[in-house]
Protein backbone atom coordinates (compact mmCIF):
# COMPACT_ATOMS: atom_id res chain seq x y z
CA MET A 1 0.00 0.00 0.00
CA ALA A 2 1.29 3.44 -0.87
CA LEU A 3 0.11 6.66 0.70
CA SER A 4 0.87 10.20 -0.29
CA TYR A 5 0.51 13.23 1.96
CA ASN A 6 1.23 15.71 -0.85
CA LYS A 7 -2.29 17.07 -0.46
CA LEU A 8 -1.51 17.86 3.19
CA TRP A 9 1.67 19.75 2.30
CA LYS A 10 -0.13 21.74 -0.40
CA LEU A 11 -2.93 22.56 2.06
CA LEU A 12 -0.39 23.79 4.61
CA ILE A 13 1.15 26.06 1.98
CA ASP A 14 -2.28 27.41 1.03
CA LYS A 15 -3.10 28.11 4.68
CA LYS A 16 0.41 29.49 5.35
CA ILE A 17 1.01 26.99 8.15
CA SER A 18 4.47 25.50 8.73
CA LYS A 19 5.05 21.84 9.53
CA ALA A 20 6.31 22.88 12.97
CA GLU A 21 3.13 24.86 13.58
CA LEU A 22 1.05 21.86 12.49
CA ARG A 23 2.92 19.73 15.03
CA ARG A 24 2.16 22.25 17.79
CA MET A 25 -1.51 22.51 16.75
CA THR A 26 -2.05 18.75 16.75
CA GLY A 27 0.35 17.60 19.46
CA ILE A 28 1.84 14.91 17.22
CA SER A 29 5.37 13.72 17.89
CA PRO A 30 8.45 14.48 15.80
CA ASN A 31 8.63 10.78 14.86
CA THR A 32 5.10 10.91 13.49
CA MET A 33 5.95 14.01 11.48
CA THR A 34 8.94 12.14 10.04
CA LYS A 35 6.61 9.32 8.99
CA LEU A 36 4.34 11.82 7.27
CA ASN A 37 7.33 13.37 5.48
CA ARG A 38 8.33 9.90 4.25
CA ASP A 39 4.77 9.02 3.12
CA GLU A 40 4.64 6.21 5.68
CA GLU A 41 1.52 4.95 7.42
CA VAL A 42 0.31 6.74 10.55
CA THR A 43 -2.66 5.99 12.77
CA LEU A 44 -6.14 7.21 12.02
CA SER A 45 -6.10 9.13 15.29
CA VAL A 46 -3.17 11.21 13.97
CA LEU A 47 -4.99 11.88 10.71
CA SER A 48 -8.10 12.76 12.70
CA LYS A 49 -6.15 15.31 14.79
CA ILE A 50 -4.80 16.89 11.63
CA CYS A 51 -8.25 17.05 10.03
CA GLU A 52 -9.74 18.56 13.18
CA SER A 53 -6.99 21.17 13.46
CA LEU A 54 -7.20 22.16 9.79
CA LYS A 55 -11.01 21.82 9.66
CA THR A 56 -10.83 19.55 6.65
CA ASP A 57 -11.69 16.03 5.49
CA ILE A 58 -9.28 13.09 5.40
CA GLY A 59 -9.49 12.99 1.60
CA ASP A 60 -8.06 16.51 1.57
CA ILE A 61 -4.82 15.43 3.28
CA VAL A 62 -4.05 11.85 2.22
CA GLU A 63 -4.21 9.98 -1.05
CA TYR A 64 -3.98 6.24 -1.68
CA ILE A 65 -1.80 5.30 -4.64
CA SER A 66 -2.34 1.81 -6.04
CA GLY A 67 0.68 -0.49 -6.15
CA GLU A 68 1.01 -0.46 -9.91
CA THR A 69 1.42 3.34 -10.10
CA ALA A 70 3.35 3.86 -6.88
CA GLU A 71 7.09 4.30 -6.99
CA GLU A 72 8.97 2.03 -4.63
CA PRO A 73 11.52 3.73 -2.37
CA LYS A 74 15.11 3.01 -3.32
């Protein structure tokens, strides 16, 4: 399974919110932020905190990329 949080990063740019500010707003750990930066899986509770803080829907911050179109990390 491949996830992409590019929508989240674009949303942060649009709202003029830094990643550090997002971390403060949501209370997520630095390790979780690293996982998001690497497009790794995080818990639904983390995604829920982000959605609540940004007043948005989960589809606005995460995208599922099917295995055949996803690039494997090298």
